[in-house]
Amino acid sequence: MKNELQQDIIFYRKEYYVKDLEKPINKFFSTSVTTKGVIGGVPNLAIIVSKETFGAYIELLSHIDYKKQREFLINSGLNLDKISDDRGLLIYKVRGESNETK
């Protein structure tokens, strides 16, 4: 089933290797659509994702232990731009159409 986002959305993640966000992310990138669904506790990363970004909302495919995560898996080839640091919550935005599937 294929759906398209109607508007930009914000995803959350607990990221331990923040420096790695400065270069292209050439793997699938797991995020949560809610702050409560972040694995590892309180999120330190918010990502503004444009409606054109490729990915998959995989809640229906998740193991029963992870259903509350509300996971969105962003396609590989992701480039992020840092917008701000809001009291420990790093805010990034997906750069352009950086993760299109060719």
PDB file of N, CA and C in Angstrom:
ATOM      1  N   MET A   1       0.841  -1.158   0.000  1.00  0.00           N
ATOM      2  CA  MET A   1       0.000   0.000   0.000  1.00  0.00           C
ATOM      3  C   MET A   1       0.902   1.241   0.000  1.00  0.00           C
ATOM      4  N   LYS A   2       0.582   2.204  -0.830  1.00  0.00           N
ATOM      5  CA  LYS A   2       1.365   3.429  -0.931  1.00  0.00           C
ATOM      6  C   LYS A   2       0.490   4.617  -0.558  1.00  0.00           C
ATOM      7  N   ASN A   3       1.002   5.411   0.364  1.00  0.00           N
ATOM      8  CA  ASN A   3       0.331   6.644   0.764  1.00  0.00           C
ATOM      9  C   ASN A   3       1.328   7.783   0.691  1.00  0.00           C
ATOM     10  N   GLU A   4       0.833   8.969   0.536  1.00  0.00           N
ATOM     11  CA  GLU A   4       1.693  10.142   0.529  1.00  0.00           C
ATOM     12  C   GLU A   4       1.282  11.058   1.669  1.00  0.00           C
ATOM     13  N   LEU A   5       2.291  11.630   2.339  1.00  0.00           N
ATOM     14  CA  LEU A   5       2.012  12.591   3.392  1.00  0.00           C
ATOM     15  C   LEU A   5       1.350  13.822   2.789  1.00  0.00           C
ATOM     16  N   GLN A   6       0.406  14.379   3.496  1.00  0.00           N
ATOM     17  CA  GLN A   6      -0.282  15.579   3.033  1.00  0.00           C
ATOM     18  C   GLN A   6       0.445  16.854   3.459  1.00  0.00           C
ATOM     19  N   GLN A   7       1.319  16.728   4.457  1.00  0.00           N
ATOM     20  CA  GLN A   7       2.065  17.882   4.949  1.00  0.00           C
ATOM     21  C   GLN A   7       3.374  17.404   5.564  1.00  0.00           C
ATOM     22  N   ASP A   8       4.279  18.342   5.827  1.00  0.00           N
ATOM     23  CA  ASP A   8       5.521  17.999   6.498  1.00  0.00           C
ATOM     24  C   ASP A   8       5.193  17.467   7.891  1.00  0.00           C
ATOM     25  N   ILE A   9       6.109  16.670   8.455  1.00  0.00           N
ATOM     26  CA  ILE A   9       5.866  16.059   9.752  1.00  0.00           C
ATOM     27  C   ILE A   9       7.166  16.068  10.551  1.00  0.00           C
ATOM     28  N   ILE A  10       7.056  15.946  11.868  1.00  0.00           N
ATOM     29  CA  ILE A  10       8.231  15.906  12.735  1.00  0.00           C
ATOM     30  C   ILE A  10       8.365  14.502  13.306  1.00  0.00           C
ATOM     31  N   PHE A  11       9.582  13.956  13.207  1.00  0.00           N
ATOM     32  CA  PHE A  11       9.897  12.648  13.777  1.00  0.00           C
ATOM     33  C   PHE A  11      10.910  12.833  14.891  1.00  0.00           C
ATOM     34  N   TYR A  12      10.983  11.858  15.798  1.00  0.00           N
ATOM     35  CA  TYR A  12      11.859  11.946  16.964  1.00  0.00           C
ATOM     36  C   TYR A  12      12.764  10.727  17.043  1.00  0.00           C
ATOM     37  N   ARG A  13      13.902  10.933  17.743  1.00  0.00           N
ATOM     38  CA  ARG A  13      14.871   9.851  17.874  1.00  0.00           C
ATOM     39  C   ARG A  13      15.804  10.170  19.045  1.00  0.00           C
ATOM     40  N   LYS A  14      16.321   9.131  19.677  1.00  0.00           N
ATOM     41  CA  LYS A  14      17.394   9.268  20.661  1.00  0.00           C
ATOM     42  C   LYS A  14      18.671   8.919  19.910  1.00  0.00           C
ATOM     43  N   GLU A  15      19.545   9.901  19.724  1.00  0.00           N
ATOM     44  CA  GLU A  15      20.763   9.712  18.931  1.00  0.00           C
ATOM     45  C   GLU A  15      21.985   9.860  19.820  1.00  0.00           C
ATOM     46  N   TYR A  16      22.821   8.816  19.832  1.00  0.00           N
ATOM     47  CA  TYR A  16      24.031   8.833  20.643  1.00  0.00           C
ATOM     48  C   TYR A  16      25.236   9.357  19.864  1.00  0.00           C
ATOM     49  N   TYR A  17      25.201   9.278  18.548  1.00  0.00           N
ATOM     50  CA  TYR A  17      26.329   9.678  17.703  1.00  0.00           C
ATOM     51  C   TYR A  17      25.941  10.914  16.893  1.00  0.00           C
ATOM     52  N   VAL A  18      25.751  12.016  17.586  1.00  0.00           N
ATOM     53  CA  VAL A  18      25.258  13.245  16.962  1.00  0.00           C
ATOM     54  C   VAL A  18      26.192  13.728  15.857  1.00  0.00           C
ATOM     55  N   LYS A  19      27.505  13.576  16.030  1.00  0.00           N
ATOM     56  CA  LYS A  19      28.458  14.021  15.003  1.00  0.00           C
ATOM     57  C   LYS A  19      28.215  13.323  13.671  1.00  0.00           C
ATOM     58  N   ASP A  20      27.720  12.092  13.703  1.00  0.00           N
ATOM     59  CA  ASP A  20      27.460  11.349  12.465  1.00  0.00           C
ATOM     60  C   ASP A  20      26.341  11.977  11.635  1.00  0.00           C
ATOM     61  N   LEU A  21      25.555  12.851  12.221  1.00  0.00           N
ATOM     62  CA  LEU A  21      24.459  13.493  11.493  1.00  0.00           C
ATOM     63  C   LEU A  21      24.956  14.563  10.529  1.00  0.00           C
ATOM     64  N   GLU A  22      26.239  14.943  10.649  1.00  0.00           N
ATOM     65  CA  GLU A  22      26.815  15.980   9.795  1.00  0.00           C
ATOM     66  C   GLU A  22      27.178  15.468   8.408  1.00  0.00           C
ATOM     67  N   LYS A  23      27.150  14.153   8.218  1.00  0.00           N
ATOM     68  CA  LYS A  23      27.484  13.567   6.916  1.00  0.00           C
ATOM     69  C   LYS A  23      26.284  12.762   6.419  1.00  0.00           C
ATOM     70  N   PRO A  24      26.287  12.387   5.128  1.00  0.00           N
ATOM     71  CA  PRO A  24      25.150  11.607   4.604  1.00  0.00           C
ATOM     72  C   PRO A  24      24.935  10.321   5.405  1.00  0.00           C
ATOM     73  N   ILE A  25      23.694   9.991   5.631  1.00  0.00           N
ATOM     74  CA  ILE A  25      23.334   8.780   6.368  1.00  0.00           C
ATOM     75  C   ILE A  25      22.938   7.733   5.335  1.00  0.00           C
ATOM     76  N   ASN A  26      23.835   6.811   5.084  1.00  0.00           N
ATOM     77  CA  ASN A  26      23.637   5.832   4.014  1.00  0.00           C
ATOM     78  C   ASN A  26      23.109   4.506   4.535  1.00  0.00           C
ATOM     79  N   LYS A  27      22.121   4.598   5.396  1.00  0.00           N
ATOM     80  CA  LYS A  27      21.420   3.420   5.909  1.00  0.00           C
ATOM     81  C   LYS A  27      20.000   3.858   6.227  1.00  0.00           C
ATOM     82  N   PHE A  28      19.126   2.901   6.424  1.00  0.00           N
ATOM     83  CA  PHE A  28      17.776   3.254   6.843  1.00  0.00           C
ATOM     84  C   PHE A  28      17.853   3.895   8.226  1.00  0.00           C
ATOM     85  N   PHE A  29      17.015   4.877   8.480  1.00  0.00           N
ATOM     86  CA  PHE A  29      17.077   5.686   9.696  1.00  0.00           C
ATOM     87  C   PHE A  29      15.753   5.555  10.429  1.00  0.00           C
ATOM     88  N   SER A  30      15.780   4.885  11.576  1.00  0.00           N
ATOM     89  CA  SER A  30      14.575   4.622  12.348  1.00  0.00           C
ATOM     90  C   SER A  30      14.202   5.828  13.205  1.00  0.00           C
ATOM     91  N   THR A  31      12.937   6.223  13.141  1.00  0.00           N
ATOM     92  CA  THR A  31      12.437   7.351  13.924  1.00  0.00           C
ATOM     93  C   THR A  31      11.074   6.993  14.504  1.00  0.00           C
ATOM     94  N   SER A  32      10.575   7.846  15.357  1.00  0.00           N
ATOM     95  CA  SER A  32       9.243   7.660  15.923  1.00  0.00           C
ATOM     96  C   SER A  32       8.401   8.898  15.638  1.00  0.00           C
ATOM     97  N   VAL A  33       7.125   8.692  15.406  1.00  0.00           N
ATOM     98  CA  VAL A  33       6.243   9.836  15.164  1.00  0.00           C
ATOM     99  C   VAL A  33       5.734  10.438  16.476  1.00  0.00           C
ATOM    100  N   THR A  34       6.097   9.831  17.618  1.00  0.00           N
ATOM    101  CA  THR A  34       5.739  10.384  18.924  1.00  0.00           C
ATOM    102  C   THR A  34       6.975  10.413  19.819  1.00  0.00           C
ATOM    103  N   THR A  35       7.021  11.342  20.754  1.00  0.00           N
ATOM    104  CA  THR A  35       8.154  11.397  21.681  1.00  0.00           C
ATOM    105  C   THR A  35       8.138  10.211  22.637  1.00  0.00           C
ATOM    106  N   LYS A  36       6.970   9.679  22.943  1.00  0.00           N
ATOM    107  CA  LYS A  36       6.867   8.540  23.860  1.00  0.00           C
ATOM    108  C   LYS A  36       7.305   7.230  23.221  1.00  0.00           C
ATOM    109  N   GLY A  37       7.380   7.191  21.904  1.00  0.00           N
ATOM    110  CA  GLY A  37       7.749   5.966  21.215  1.00  0.00           C
ATOM    111  C   GLY A  37       9.234   5.804  20.969  1.00  0.00           C
ATOM    112  N   VAL A  38      10.034   6.743  21.409  1.00  0.00           N
ATOM    113  CA  VAL A  38      11.474   6.708  21.156  1.00  0.00           C
ATOM    114  C   VAL A  38      12.135   5.641  22.016  1.00  0.00           C
ATOM    115  N   ILE A  39      12.890   4.756  21.381  1.00  0.00           N
ATOM    116  CA  ILE A  39      13.641   3.735  22.104  1.00  0.00           C
ATOM    117  C   ILE A  39      14.847   4.407  22.745  1.00  0.00           C
ATOM    118  N   GLY A  40      15.101   4.106  24.003  1.00  0.00           N
ATOM    119  CA  GLY A  40      16.253   4.678  24.692  1.00  0.00           C
ATOM    120  C   GLY A  40      15.908   5.876  25.552  1.00  0.00           C
ATOM    121  N   GLY A  41      14.631   6.145  25.724  1.00  0.00           N
ATOM    122  CA  GLY A  41      14.234   7.228  26.615  1.00  0.00           C
ATOM    123  C   GLY A  41      13.786   8.485  25.915  1.00  0.00           C
ATOM    124  N   VAL A  42      14.124   9.603  26.517  1.00  0.00           N
ATOM    125  CA  VAL A  42      13.700  10.910  26.018  1.00  0.00           C
ATOM    126  C   VAL A  42      14.467  11.246  24.740  1.00  0.00           C
ATOM    127  N   PRO A  43      13.781  11.684  23.690  1.00  0.00           N
ATOM    128  CA  PRO A  43      14.482  12.011  22.441  1.00  0.00           C
ATOM    129  C   PRO A  43      15.367  13.247  22.594  1.00  0.00           C
ATOM    130  N   ASN A  44      16.491  13.239  21.889  1.00  0.00           N
ATOM    131  CA  ASN A  44      17.350  14.419  21.844  1.00  0.00           C
ATOM    132  C   ASN A  44      17.437  14.958  20.420  1.00  0.00           C
ATOM    133  N   LEU A  45      16.619  14.392  19.534  1.00  0.00           N
ATOM    134  CA  LEU A  45      16.653  14.767  18.127  1.00  0.00           C
ATOM    135  C   LEU A  45      15.227  14.859  17.585  1.00  0.00           C
ATOM    136  N   ALA A  46      14.925  15.984  16.957  1.00  0.00           N
ATOM    137  CA  ALA A  46      13.658  16.160  16.237  1.00  0.00           C
ATOM    138  C   ALA A  46      14.024  16.443  14.788  1.00  0.00           C
ATOM    139  N   ILE A  47      13.354  15.770  13.866  1.00  0.00           N
ATOM    140  CA  ILE A  47      13.658  15.928  12.443  1.00  0.00           C
ATOM    141  C   ILE A  47      12.399  16.396  11.727  1.00  0.00           C
ATOM    142  N   ILE A  48      12.508  17.536  11.076  1.00  0.00           N
ATOM    143  CA  ILE A  48      11.407  18.030  10.251  1.00  0.00           C
ATOM    144  C   ILE A  48      11.557  17.374   8.888  1.00  0.00           C
ATOM    145  N   VAL A  49      10.567  16.599   8.517  1.00  0.00           N
ATOM    146  CA  VAL A  49      10.624  15.803   7.293  1.00  0.00           C
ATOM    147  C   VAL A  49       9.588  16.334   6.311  1.00  0.00           C
ATOM    148  N   SER A  50      10.035  16.649   5.105  1.00  0.00           N
ATOM    149  CA  SER A  50       9.096  17.159   4.102  1.00  0.00           C
ATOM    150  C   SER A  50       8.199  16.032   3.605  1.00  0.00           C
ATOM    151  N   LYS A  51       7.057  16.402   3.107  1.00  0.00           N
ATOM    152  CA  LYS A  51       6.094  15.402   2.642  1.00  0.00           C
ATOM    153  C   LYS A  51       6.611  14.616   1.445  1.00  0.00           C
ATOM    154  N   GLU A  52       7.677  15.081   0.793  1.00  0.00           N
ATOM    155  CA  GLU A  52       8.248  14.376  -0.358  1.00  0.00           C
ATOM    156  C   GLU A  52       9.271  13.311   0.039  1.00  0.00           C
ATOM    157  N   THR A  53       9.620  13.228   1.317  1.00  0.00           N
ATOM    158  CA  THR A  53      10.643  12.292   1.774  1.00  0.00           C
ATOM    159  C   THR A  53      10.151  10.855   1.659  1.00  0.00           C
ATOM    160  N   PHE A  54      11.037   9.978   1.182  1.00  0.00           N
ATOM    161  CA  PHE A  54      10.702   8.568   1.035  1.00  0.00           C
ATOM    162  C   PHE A  54      10.963   7.824   2.335  1.00  0.00           C
ATOM    163  N   GLY A  55      10.031   6.952   2.702  1.00  0.00           N
ATOM    164  CA  GLY A  55      10.174   6.152   3.903  1.00  0.00           C
ATOM    165  C   GLY A  55       8.971   5.244   4.052  1.00  0.00           C
ATOM    166  N   ALA A  56       8.912   4.581   5.210  1.00  0.00           N
ATOM    167  CA  ALA A  56       7.820   3.641   5.450  1.00  0.00           C
ATOM    168  C   ALA A  56       7.368   3.724   6.899  1.00  0.00           C
ATOM    169  N   TYR A  57       6.070   3.836   7.090  1.00  0.00           N
ATOM    170  CA  TYR A  57       5.478   3.770   8.418  1.00  0.00           C
ATOM    171  C   TYR A  57       5.232   2.297   8.680  1.00  0.00           C
ATOM    172  N   ILE A  58       5.955   1.724   9.643  1.00  0.00           N
ATOM    173  CA  ILE A  58       5.953   0.267   9.752  1.00  0.00           C
ATOM    174  C   ILE A  58       5.311  -0.273  11.029  1.00  0.00           C
ATOM    175  N   GLU A  59       4.412   0.475  11.618  1.00  0.00           N
ATOM    176  CA  GLU A  59       3.766   0.016  12.850  1.00  0.00           C
ATOM    177  C   GLU A  59       3.116  -1.360  12.678  1.00  0.00           C
ATOM    178  N   LEU A  60       2.447  -1.574  11.577  1.00  0.00           N
ATOM    179  CA  LEU A  60       1.755  -2.850  11.374  1.00  0.00           C
ATOM    180  C   LEU A  60       2.720  -4.021  11.214  1.00  0.00           C
ATOM    181  N   LEU A  61       3.978  -3.738  10.869  1.00  0.00           N
ATOM    182  CA  LEU A  61       4.977  -4.790  10.686  1.00  0.00           C
ATOM    183  C   LEU A  61       5.849  -4.987  11.916  1.00  0.00           C
ATOM    184  N   SER A  62       5.709  -4.136  12.907  1.00  0.00           N
ATOM    185  CA  SER A  62       6.567  -4.163  14.090  1.00  0.00           C
ATOM    186  C   SER A  62       6.254  -5.354  14.982  1.00  0.00           C
ATOM    187  N   HIS A  63       7.296  -5.812  15.683  1.00  0.00           N
ATOM    188  CA  HIS A  63       7.135  -6.834  16.713  1.00  0.00           C
ATOM    189  C   HIS A  63       6.198  -6.281  17.783  1.00  0.00           C
ATOM    190  N   ILE A  64       5.436  -7.126  18.416  1.00  0.00           N
ATOM    191  CA  ILE A  64       4.434  -6.687  19.397  1.00  0.00           C
ATOM    192  C   ILE A  64       5.035  -5.822  20.506  1.00  0.00           C
ATOM    193  N   ASP A  65       6.299  -6.073  20.880  1.00  0.00           N
ATOM    194  CA  ASP A  65       6.949  -5.279  21.925  1.00  0.00           C
ATOM    195  C   ASP A  65       7.207  -3.836  21.497  1.00  0.00           C
ATOM    196  N   TYR A  66       7.166  -3.565  20.191  1.00  0.00           N
ATOM    197  CA  TYR A  66       7.502  -2.237  19.682  1.00  0.00           C
ATOM    198  C   TYR A  66       6.323  -1.515  19.026  1.00  0.00           C
ATOM    199  N   LYS A  67       5.116  -2.009  19.214  1.00  0.00           N
ATOM    200  CA  LYS A  67       3.945  -1.393  18.581  1.00  0.00           C
ATOM    201  C   LYS A  67       3.755   0.066  18.994  1.00  0.00           C
ATOM    202  N   LYS A  68       4.084   0.400  20.234  1.00  0.00           N
ATOM    203  CA  LYS A  68       3.883   1.770  20.709  1.00  0.00           C
ATOM    204  C   LYS A  68       4.942   2.734  20.184  1.00  0.00           C
ATOM    205  N   GLN A  69       5.952   2.210  19.514  1.00  0.00           N
ATOM    206  CA  GLN A  69       7.007   3.070  18.997  1.00  0.00           C
ATOM    207  C   GLN A  69       6.501   3.962  17.864  1.00  0.00           C
ATOM    208  N   ARG A  70       5.538   3.471  17.107  1.00  0.00           N
ATOM    209  CA  ARG A  70       5.015   4.219  15.947  1.00  0.00           C
ATOM    210  C   ARG A  70       6.161   4.609  15.024  1.00  0.00           C
ATOM    211  N   GLU A  71       6.853   3.602  14.566  1.00  0.00           N
ATOM    212  CA  GLU A  71       8.099   3.789  13.818  1.00  0.00           C
ATOM    213  C   GLU A  71       7.889   4.230  12.377  1.00  0.00           C
ATOM    214  N   PHE A  72       8.685   5.198  11.978  1.00  0.00           N
ATOM    215  CA  PHE A  72       8.791   5.600  10.583  1.00  0.00           C
ATOM    216  C   PHE A  72      10.241   5.392  10.197  1.00  0.00           C
ATOM    217  N   LEU A  73      10.464   4.594   9.172  1.00  0.00           N
ATOM    218  CA  LEU A  73      11.800   4.272   8.692  1.00  0.00           C
ATOM    219  C   LEU A  73      12.084   5.136   7.469  1.00  0.00           C
ATOM    220  N   ILE A  74      13.077   6.035   7.606  1.00  0.00           N
ATOM    221  CA  ILE A  74      13.427   6.927   6.502  1.00  0.00           C
ATOM    222  C   ILE A  74      14.418   6.215   5.596  1.00  0.00           C
ATOM    223  N   ASN A  75      14.240   6.363   4.290  1.00  0.00           N
ATOM    224  CA  ASN A  75      15.082   5.713   3.292  1.00  0.00           C
ATOM    225  C   ASN A  75      16.541   6.128   3.451  1.00  0.00           C
ATOM    226  N   SER A  76      17.459   5.296   2.954  1.00  0.00           N
ATOM    227  CA  SER A  76      18.887   5.613   3.017  1.00  0.00           C
ATOM    228  C   SER A  76      19.216   6.781   2.094  1.00  0.00           C
ATOM    229  N   GLY A  77      20.389   7.386   2.303  1.00  0.00           N
ATOM    230  CA  GLY A  77      20.799   8.532   1.510  1.00  0.00           C
ATOM    231  C   GLY A  77      20.305   9.842   2.090  1.00  0.00           C
ATOM    232  N   LEU A  78      20.073   9.854   3.386  1.00  0.00           N
ATOM    233  CA  LEU A  78      19.505  11.008   4.073  1.00  0.00           C
ATOM    234  C   LEU A  78      20.572  12.062   4.357  1.00  0.00           C
ATOM    235  N   ASN A  79      20.257  13.315   4.096  1.00  0.00           N
ATOM    236  CA  ASN A  79      21.109  14.451   4.456  1.00  0.00           C
ATOM    237  C   ASN A  79      20.300  15.381   5.338  1.00  0.00           C
ATOM    238  N   LEU A  80      20.908  15.795   6.449  1.00  0.00           N
ATOM    239  CA  LEU A  80      20.217  16.644   7.411  1.00  0.00           C
ATOM    240  C   LEU A  80      20.939  17.972   7.586  1.00  0.00           C
ATOM    241  N   ASP A  81      20.184  19.024   7.810  1.00  0.00           N
ATOM    242  CA  ASP A  81      20.726  20.340   8.148  1.00  0.00           C
ATOM    243  C   ASP A  81      20.279  20.682   9.561  1.00  0.00           C
ATOM    244  N   LYS A  82      21.245  21.070  10.404  1.00  0.00           N
ATOM    245  CA  LYS A  82      20.905  21.459  11.775  1.00  0.00           C
ATOM    246  C   LYS A  82      20.277  22.850  11.760  1.00  0.00           C
ATOM    247  N   ILE A  83      19.135  22.966  12.408  1.00  0.00           N
ATOM    248  CA  ILE A  83      18.430  24.239  12.490  1.00  0.00           C
ATOM    249  C   ILE A  83      18.707  24.916  13.829  1.00  0.00           C
ATOM    250  N   SER A  84      18.589  24.142  14.919  1.00  0.00           N
ATOM    251  CA  SER A  84      18.815  24.741  16.234  1.00  0.00           C
ATOM    252  C   SER A  84      19.000  23.677  17.306  1.00  0.00           C
ATOM    253  N   ASP A  85      19.365  24.155  18.482  1.00  0.00           N
ATOM    254  CA  ASP A  85      19.467  23.324  19.676  1.00  0.00           C
ATOM    255  C   ASP A  85      18.559  23.978  20.709  1.00  0.00           C
ATOM    256  N   ASP A  86      17.416  23.361  20.942  1.00  0.00           N
ATOM    257  CA  ASP A  86      16.423  23.919  21.854  1.00  0.00           C
ATOM    258  C   ASP A  86      16.513  23.206  23.200  1.00  0.00           C
ATOM    259  N   ARG A  87      17.383  23.684  24.064  1.00  0.00           N
ATOM    260  CA  ARG A  87      17.569  23.113  25.411  1.00  0.00           C
ATOM    261  C   ARG A  87      17.831  21.613  25.384  1.00  0.00           C
ATOM    262  N   GLY A  88      18.737  21.189  24.523  1.00  0.00           N
ATOM    263  CA  GLY A  88      19.106  19.784  24.453  1.00  0.00           C
ATOM    264  C   GLY A  88      18.362  18.987  23.401  1.00  0.00           C
ATOM    265  N   LEU A  89      17.325  19.548  22.825  1.00  0.00           N
ATOM    266  CA  LEU A  89      16.626  18.888  21.723  1.00  0.00           C
ATOM    267  C   LEU A  89      17.172  19.474  20.423  1.00  0.00           C
ATOM    268  N   LEU A  90      17.975  18.677  19.722  1.00  0.00           N
ATOM    269  CA  LEU A  90      18.559  19.115  18.458  1.00  0.00           C
ATOM    270  C   LEU A  90      17.493  19.055  17.380  1.00  0.00           C
ATOM    271  N   ILE A  91      17.355  20.130  16.633  1.00  0.00           N
ATOM    272  CA  ILE A  91      16.333  20.183  15.591  1.00  0.00           C
ATOM    273  C   ILE A  91      17.019  20.222  14.238  1.00  0.00           C
ATOM    274  N   TYR A  92      16.690  19.225  13.411  1.00  0.00           N
ATOM    275  CA  TYR A  92      17.252  19.091  12.072  1.00  0.00           C
ATOM    276  C   TYR A  92      16.124  19.101  11.054  1.00  0.00           C
ATOM    277  N   LYS A  93      16.493  19.355   9.815  1.00  0.00           N
ATOM    278  CA  LYS A  93      15.536  19.295   8.712  1.00  0.00           C
ATOM    279  C   LYS A  93      16.162  18.476   7.594  1.00  0.00           C
ATOM    280  N   VAL A  94      15.350  17.639   6.952  1.00  0.00           N
ATOM    281  CA  VAL A  94      15.829  16.877   5.803  1.00  0.00           C
ATOM    282  C   VAL A  94      16.174  17.858   4.700  1.00  0.00           C
ATOM    283  N   ARG A  95      17.384  17.710   4.142  1.00  0.00           N
ATOM    284  CA  ARG A  95      17.850  18.614   3.092  1.00  0.00           C
ATOM    285  C   ARG A  95      17.326  18.161   1.738  1.00  0.00           C
ATOM    286  N   GLY A  96      16.513  18.996   1.110  1.00  0.00           N
ATOM    287  CA  GLY A  96      16.038  18.763  -0.255  1.00  0.00           C
ATOM    288  C   GLY A  96      15.429  17.396  -0.460  1.00  0.00           C
ATOM    289  N   GLU A  97      15.649  16.869  -1.637  1.00  0.00           N
ATOM    290  CA  GLU A  97      15.155  15.537  -1.997  1.00  0.00           C
ATOM    291  C   GLU A  97      16.324  14.578  -1.920  1.00  0.00           C
ATOM    292  N   SER A  98      16.928  14.495  -0.752  1.00  0.00           N
ATOM    293  CA  SER A  98      18.192  13.793  -0.590  1.00  0.00           C
ATOM    294  C   SER A  98      18.092  12.283  -0.565  1.00  0.00           C
ATOM    295  N   ASN A  99      16.914  11.749  -0.409  1.00  0.00           N
ATOM    296  CA  ASN A  99      16.847  10.301  -0.264  1.00  0.00           C
ATOM    297  C   ASN A  99      15.857   9.662  -1.230  1.00  0.00           C
ATOM    298  N   GLU A 100      15.908  10.101  -2.450  1.00  0.00           N
ATOM    299  CA  GLU A 100      15.040   9.490  -3.460  1.00  0.00           C
ATOM    300  C   GLU A 100      15.568   8.115  -3.846  1.00  0.00           C
ATOM    301  N   THR A 101      14.678   7.215  -4.109  1.00  0.00           N
ATOM    302  CA  THR A 101      15.055   5.912  -4.623  1.00  0.00           C
ATOM    303  C   THR A 101      15.206   6.031  -6.129  1.00  0.00           C
ATOM    304  N   LYS A 102      16.340   5.630  -6.638  1.00  0.00           N
ATOM    305  CA  LYS A 102      16.603   5.731  -8.086  1.00  0.00           C
ATOM    306  C   LYS A 102      16.159   4.460  -8.784  1.00  0.00           C
TER     307      LYS A 102
END
